[in-house]
């Protein structure tokens, strides 16, 4: 009925096909099938002109109402699709969530009353699709993960540090070779953590590290360093307050910190013929946009 209404309105199979986003042959086949179903011709076709039969004139008004109702329903769905709503599942590293997500999440919930947010915290790299996560914050020197879209929120660097109590007990290392006499705390999920890099003159020196203590959590490593267990390499955003307060101190000036990117990532939307295909849900778009704007105004590093 919609195809028939479009052909009448456009006065052409070709124009109706363009309006509907299909080929002319599809439109012709649909109209022919419609006429067979009704067992009556609806259109007079000539090489130059289309005109309605008496039955076509009687039927067109009803088909036009159906087409108008379909347009109205599509417009309503379009408006709903642009309004963030439903449950938004977010995952982020533990300390980052604790220190940096409260303010933007409060603003997001205030701006979008139809959205509910469920936050999980992990220091491991989860599979977003398997775990049903809409948006994740990832902090890494090398972003990986097929099928993900990433928006950068900021940058950071790692710092080699220890507590004053540990340094008073074990001494303050002044050079990379001093590390053999110290207890090292290592992030076990990062294989690159088994060596620390230093800048010596114009060259870079990698020093193998034997972990006295390892953990799969940056939050645990921070607590271990604060408690005086040893030296740790930690992101500056995680320990900025500790450094400013003197609870942790940077050591070995030649330590070459790793540049870290801070990203909001979400699964790549699937493509398809619909106008909205390939776009993330409104709740995801709006949340990621807010994070980008927030951390542009309040830089992490």
Protein backbone atom coordinates (compact mmCIF):
# COMPACT_ATOMS: atom_id res chain seq x y z
CA UNK A 1 0.00 0.00 0.00
CA UNK A 2 2.87 2.38 0.77
CA UNK A 3 4.59 1.57 -2.52
CA UNK A 4 1.35 2.23 -4.40
CA UNK A 5 0.83 5.56 -2.60
CA UNK A 6 4.37 6.66 -3.43
CA UNK A 7 3.98 5.80 -7.12
CA UNK A 8 0.78 7.85 -7.30
CA UNK A 9 2.29 10.80 -5.43
CA UNK A 10 5.46 10.82 -7.54
CA UNK A 11 3.58 10.01 -10.78
CA UNK A 12 6.50 7.81 -11.76
CA UNK A 13 7.92 4.40 -10.90
CA UNK A 14 11.43 5.83 -11.19
CA UNK A 15 10.75 8.77 -8.87
CA UNK A 16 8.94 6.52 -6.39
CA UNK A 17 11.89 4.12 -6.37
CA UNK A 18 14.25 7.01 -5.59
CA UNK A 19 11.96 8.16 -2.77
CA UNK A 20 11.78 4.66 -1.31
CA UNK A 21 15.49 3.96 -1.72
CA UNK A 22 15.02 0.85 -3.87
CA UNK A 23 15.32 -0.03 -7.55
CA UNK A 24 12.59 0.65 -10.12
CA UNK A 25 12.23 -3.10 -10.69
CA UNK A 26 11.42 -3.66 -7.01
CA UNK A 27 8.67 -1.03 -7.14
CA UNK A 28 7.21 -2.55 -10.31
CA UNK A 29 7.25 -6.03 -8.78
CA UNK A 30 5.54 -4.83 -5.58
CA UNK A 31 2.79 -3.01 -7.49
CA UNK A 32 2.22 -6.01 -9.77
CA UNK A 33 1.99 -8.31 -6.74
CA UNK A 34 -0.46 -5.89 -5.09
CA UNK A 35 -2.68 -5.88 -8.20
CA UNK A 36 -2.62 -9.68 -8.38
CA UNK A 37 -3.63 -9.90 -4.75
CA UNK A 38 -6.54 -7.49 -5.29
CA UNK A 39 -7.37 -9.14 -8.65
CA UNK A 40 -7.75 -5.78 -10.32
CA UNK A 41 -5.48 -3.29 -12.13
CA UNK A 42 -4.78 -0.06 -10.22
CA UNK A 43 -2.75 1.85 -12.79
CA UNK A 44 -2.88 2.52 -16.52
CA UNK A 45 0.73 2.40 -17.76
CA UNK A 46 1.99 3.97 -20.96
CA UNK A 47 5.49 4.93 -22.02
CA UNK A 48 4.79 8.57 -21.18
CA UNK A 49 2.12 8.58 -18.52
CA UNK A 50 0.71 6.88 -15.46
CA UNK A 51 -2.95 7.20 -14.56
CA UNK A 52 -5.22 5.61 -12.02
CA UNK A 53 -7.96 3.12 -12.84
CA UNK A 54 -11.33 3.58 -11.17
CA UNK A 55 -10.35 0.96 -8.56
CA UNK A 56 -7.01 2.73 -8.10
CA UNK A 57 -8.74 6.05 -7.43
CA UNK A 58 -10.95 4.40 -4.78
CA UNK A 59 -7.98 2.71 -3.10
CA UNK A 60 -5.44 5.53 -3.20
CA UNK A 61 -6.98 7.60 -0.38
CA UNK A 62 -6.75 4.69 2.04
CA UNK A 63 -3.20 3.85 0.96
CA UNK A 64 -2.19 7.51 1.39
CA UNK A 65 -3.48 7.43 4.99
CA UNK A 66 -1.42 4.28 5.64
CA UNK A 67 1.69 5.92 4.18
CA UNK A 68 1.14 9.07 6.29
CA UNK A 69 0.71 6.98 9.43
CA UNK A 70 3.93 5.11 8.62
CA UNK A 71 5.77 8.42 8.16
CA UNK A 72 4.44 9.69 11.48
CA UNK A 73 5.48 6.48 13.28
CA UNK A 74 8.96 6.66 11.74
CA UNK A 75 9.33 10.28 12.85
CA UNK A 76 8.27 9.37 16.40
CA UNK A 77 10.74 6.50 16.47
CA UNK A 78 13.43 8.82 15.19
CA UNK A 79 12.77 11.28 18.00
CA UNK A 80 12.83 8.48 20.57
CA UNK A 81 16.06 7.12 19.13
CA UNK A 82 17.73 10.52 19.65
CA UNK A 83 16.68 10.68 23.29
CA UNK A 84 19.12 8.88 25.61
CA UNK A 85 17.20 6.34 27.66
CA UNK A 86 17.52 2.95 29.32
CA UNK A 87 20.38 1.33 31.21
CA UNK A 88 23.94 2.43 30.37
CA UNK A 89 26.60 -0.05 31.50
CA UNK A 90 30.01 1.55 32.09
CA UNK A 91 33.29 -0.07 33.09
CA UNK A 92 36.44 1.75 34.25
CA UNK A 93 39.71 1.14 36.12
CA UNK A 94 39.14 1.22 39.87
CA UNK A 95 41.14 4.29 40.90
CA UNK A 96 40.18 6.25 37.80
CA UNK A 97 36.50 5.64 38.53
CA UNK A 98 36.93 6.63 42.16
CA UNK A 99 38.93 9.77 41.44
CA UNK A 100 37.62 11.05 38.13
CA UNK A 101 34.17 9.73 37.15
CA UNK A 102 31.89 11.01 39.91
CA UNK A 103 31.59 14.56 38.54
CA UNK A 104 30.93 13.70 34.87
CA UNK A 105 28.50 10.93 35.83
CA UNK A 106 26.56 13.27 38.09
CA UNK A 107 26.32 15.80 35.25
CA UNK A 108 25.26 13.09 32.81
CA UNK A 109 22.48 11.77 35.03
CA UNK A 110 21.22 15.29 35.65
CA UNK A 111 21.15 16.04 31.92
CA UNK A 112 19.52 12.74 30.94
CA UNK A 113 16.81 11.75 33.43
CA UNK A 114 15.67 8.76 31.33
CA UNK A 115 19.04 7.01 31.68
CA UNK A 116 20.19 4.73 34.50
CA UNK A 117 23.92 4.02 34.89
CA UNK A 118 25.48 0.79 36.20
CA UNK A 119 29.22 1.20 36.85
CA UNK A 120 31.61 -1.72 37.22
CA UNK A 121 35.29 -1.30 38.06
CA UNK A 122 38.07 -3.50 36.72
CA UNK A 123 41.78 -3.10 36.20
CA UNK A 124 41.73 -5.93 33.66
CA UNK A 125 40.83 -5.48 29.99
CA UNK A 126 37.34 -6.94 29.70
CA UNK A 127 35.52 -7.97 26.52
CA UNK A 128 32.79 -5.35 26.22
CA UNK A 129 30.44 -7.47 24.13
CA UNK A 130 30.81 -10.63 26.24
CA UNK A 131 30.21 -8.71 29.46
CA UNK A 132 27.42 -6.49 28.13
CA UNK A 133 29.28 -3.21 28.66
CA UNK A 134 28.22 -0.17 26.62
CA UNK A 135 31.22 2.09 27.32
CA UNK A 136 34.58 1.40 28.96
CA UNK A 137 37.43 3.68 30.00
CA UNK A 138 40.82 2.25 29.06
CA UNK A 139 44.21 3.56 30.09
CA UNK A 140 46.99 2.07 28.02
CA UNK A 141 50.17 2.80 26.12
CA UNK A 142 48.86 0.80 23.16
CA UNK A 143 45.15 0.64 22.43
CA UNK A 144 44.02 -2.78 21.23
CA UNK A 145 40.73 -4.51 20.60
CA UNK A 146 39.06 -5.33 17.31
CA UNK A 147 35.59 -3.97 16.67
CA UNK A 148 35.92 -1.02 19.06
CA UNK A 149 35.49 2.71 18.52
CA UNK A 150 37.77 4.89 20.67
CA UNK A 151 37.55 8.55 21.71
CA UNK A 152 40.58 10.02 23.47
CA UNK A 153 39.93 11.64 26.84
CA UNK A 154 43.49 12.60 27.74
CA UNK A 155 47.08 11.52 28.25
CA UNK A 156 49.20 10.64 31.25
CA UNK A 157 52.66 9.28 32.18
CA UNK A 158 53.90 6.69 34.62
CA UNK A 159 56.04 7.57 37.62
CA UNK A 160 58.56 5.44 39.55
CA UNK A 161 57.83 6.11 43.19
CA UNK A 162 57.99 4.85 46.78
CA UNK A 163 56.82 5.90 50.23
CA UNK A 164 59.06 7.93 52.59
CA UNK A 165 58.96 5.03 55.08
CA UNK A 166 60.31 2.58 52.49
CA UNK A 167 63.04 4.99 51.35
CA UNK A 168 64.06 5.62 54.96
CA UNK A 169 64.34 1.88 55.52
CA UNK A 170 65.99 0.80 52.26
CA UNK A 171 67.62 4.00 51.02
CA UNK A 172 66.79 6.14 48.01
CA UNK A 173 67.94 4.69 44.68
CA UNK A 174 69.85 7.21 42.60
CA UNK A 175 70.61 5.20 39.46
CA UNK A 176 69.12 2.23 37.56
CA UNK A 177 71.79 -0.14 38.85
CA UNK A 178 70.60 0.51 42.42
CA UNK A 179 67.38 -1.41 41.70
CA UNK A 180 69.02 -4.77 42.40
CA UNK A 181 69.00 -3.85 46.10
CA UNK A 182 65.34 -2.84 46.16
CA UNK A 183 61.92 -4.48 46.37
CA UNK A 184 59.98 -3.89 43.16
CA UNK A 185 56.19 -3.95 42.85
CA UNK A 186 54.92 -4.99 39.41
CA UNK A 187 51.61 -4.86 37.56
CA UNK A 188 51.20 -8.52 36.63
CA UNK A 189 48.79 -8.03 33.71
CA UNK A 190 51.33 -6.03 31.70
CA UNK A 191 54.21 -8.08 30.35
CA UNK A 192 56.16 -4.87 29.63
CA UNK A 193 56.25 -4.27 33.40
CA UNK A 194 59.00 -6.89 33.74
CA UNK A 195 61.50 -4.24 32.69
CA UNK A 196 61.75 -0.55 33.51
CA UNK A 197 63.28 1.95 31.10
CA UNK A 198 65.68 4.78 31.90
CA UNK A 199 67.23 7.58 29.87
CA UNK A 200 71.02 7.53 30.20
CA UNK A 201 72.53 10.31 28.15
CA UNK A 202 71.09 9.95 24.65
CA UNK A 203 70.29 6.28 24.93
CA UNK A 204 67.47 4.32 26.50
CA UNK A 205 68.36 1.61 29.02
CA UNK A 206 66.03 -1.29 29.88
CA UNK A 207 66.53 -2.80 33.31
CA UNK A 208 65.00 -6.27 33.95
CA UNK A 209 62.85 -6.30 37.07
CA UNK A 210 62.31 -9.22 39.42
CA UNK A 211 59.07 -8.58 41.24
CA UNK A 212 59.07 -8.95 45.00
CA UNK A 213 55.32 -8.42 44.82
CA UNK A 214 52.96 -8.41 41.82
CA UNK A 215 49.25 -7.68 41.49
CA UNK A 216 46.68 -7.48 38.72
CA UNK A 217 45.34 -4.19 40.10
CA UNK A 218 46.75 -0.70 39.95
CA UNK A 219 44.76 0.15 43.07
CA UNK A 220 46.44 -2.67 44.99
CA UNK A 221 49.90 -1.62 43.78
CA UNK A 222 49.22 1.95 44.93
CA UNK A 223 48.18 0.69 48.36
CA UNK A 224 51.27 -1.53 48.50
CA UNK A 225 53.54 1.41 47.67
CA UNK A 226 51.81 3.62 50.25
CA UNK A 227 52.28 0.92 52.90
CA UNK A 228 56.04 0.86 52.27
CA UNK A 229 56.33 -2.46 50.43
CA UNK A 230 58.63 -1.19 47.69
CA UNK A 231 59.11 0.76 44.47
CA UNK A 232 56.21 0.91 41.99
CA UNK A 233 55.54 2.34 38.54
CA UNK A 234 52.12 3.99 38.61
CA UNK A 235 50.15 6.40 36.41
CA UNK A 236 50.47 9.99 37.58
CA UNK A 237 46.68 10.49 37.67
CA UNK A 238 46.48 7.69 40.24
CA UNK A 239 49.05 9.14 42.64
CA UNK A 240 48.96 12.90 42.01
CA UNK A 241 47.40 13.60 45.40
CA UNK A 242 49.87 11.23 47.08
CA UNK A 243 52.82 13.00 45.43
CA UNK A 244 51.49 16.44 46.36
CA UNK A 245 50.93 15.36 49.95
CA UNK A 246 54.34 13.66 50.23
CA UNK A 247 52.87 10.21 50.83
CA UNK A 248 54.82 9.02 47.78
CA UNK A 249 58.02 10.38 46.28
CA UNK A 250 59.35 10.04 42.72
CA UNK A 251 62.78 8.38 42.50
CA UNK A 252 65.58 8.10 39.91
CA UNK A 253 65.32 11.19 37.72
CA UNK A 254 66.39 9.21 34.65
CA UNK A 255 63.30 6.98 34.80
CA UNK A 256 61.58 7.08 31.42
CA UNK A 257 57.87 7.04 32.10
CA UNK A 258 55.50 5.41 29.64
CA UNK A 259 53.09 7.71 27.82
CA UNK A 260 49.55 6.53 28.43
CA UNK A 261 46.43 7.31 26.47
CA UNK A 262 43.09 7.53 28.27
CA UNK A 263 40.20 6.48 26.03
CA UNK A 264 36.47 5.93 26.08
CA UNK A 265 35.75 2.86 23.97
CA UNK A 266 32.54 1.23 22.81
CA UNK A 267 31.65 -1.62 20.44
CA UNK A 268 31.56 -0.77 16.75
CA UNK A 269 27.88 -0.57 15.74
CA UNK A 270 26.83 -2.99 13.03
CA UNK A 271 26.01 -1.65 9.59
CA UNK A 272 22.80 -2.17 7.66
CA UNK A 273 20.34 -0.52 5.29
CA UNK A 274 18.45 1.47 7.94
CA UNK A 275 19.28 5.19 8.32
CA UNK A 276 20.45 4.62 11.91
CA UNK A 277 22.60 1.59 11.15
CA UNK A 278 26.23 2.08 12.06
CA UNK A 279 25.44 4.61 14.82
CA UNK A 280 25.81 3.82 18.53
CA UNK A 281 22.73 4.25 20.74
CA UNK A 282 21.96 7.79 21.87
CA UNK A 283 22.85 6.92 25.48
CA UNK A 284 26.35 5.87 24.36
CA UNK A 285 26.91 8.85 22.06
CA UNK A 286 25.76 11.35 24.66
CA UNK A 287 27.83 9.81 27.46
CA UNK A 288 31.03 9.65 25.43
CA UNK A 289 30.49 13.22 24.19
CA UNK A 290 30.08 14.39 27.78
CA UNK A 291 33.27 12.59 28.88
CA UNK A 292 35.24 14.19 26.05
CA UNK A 293 33.92 17.66 26.92
CA UNK A 294 34.48 17.16 30.66
CA UNK A 295 38.09 16.06 30.37
CA UNK A 296 38.81 18.77 27.82
CA UNK A 297 37.70 21.30 30.43
CA UNK A 298 39.37 19.40 33.30
CA UNK A 299 42.53 17.78 31.87
CA UNK A 300 43.69 14.62 33.62
CA UNK A 301 47.41 15.28 33.25
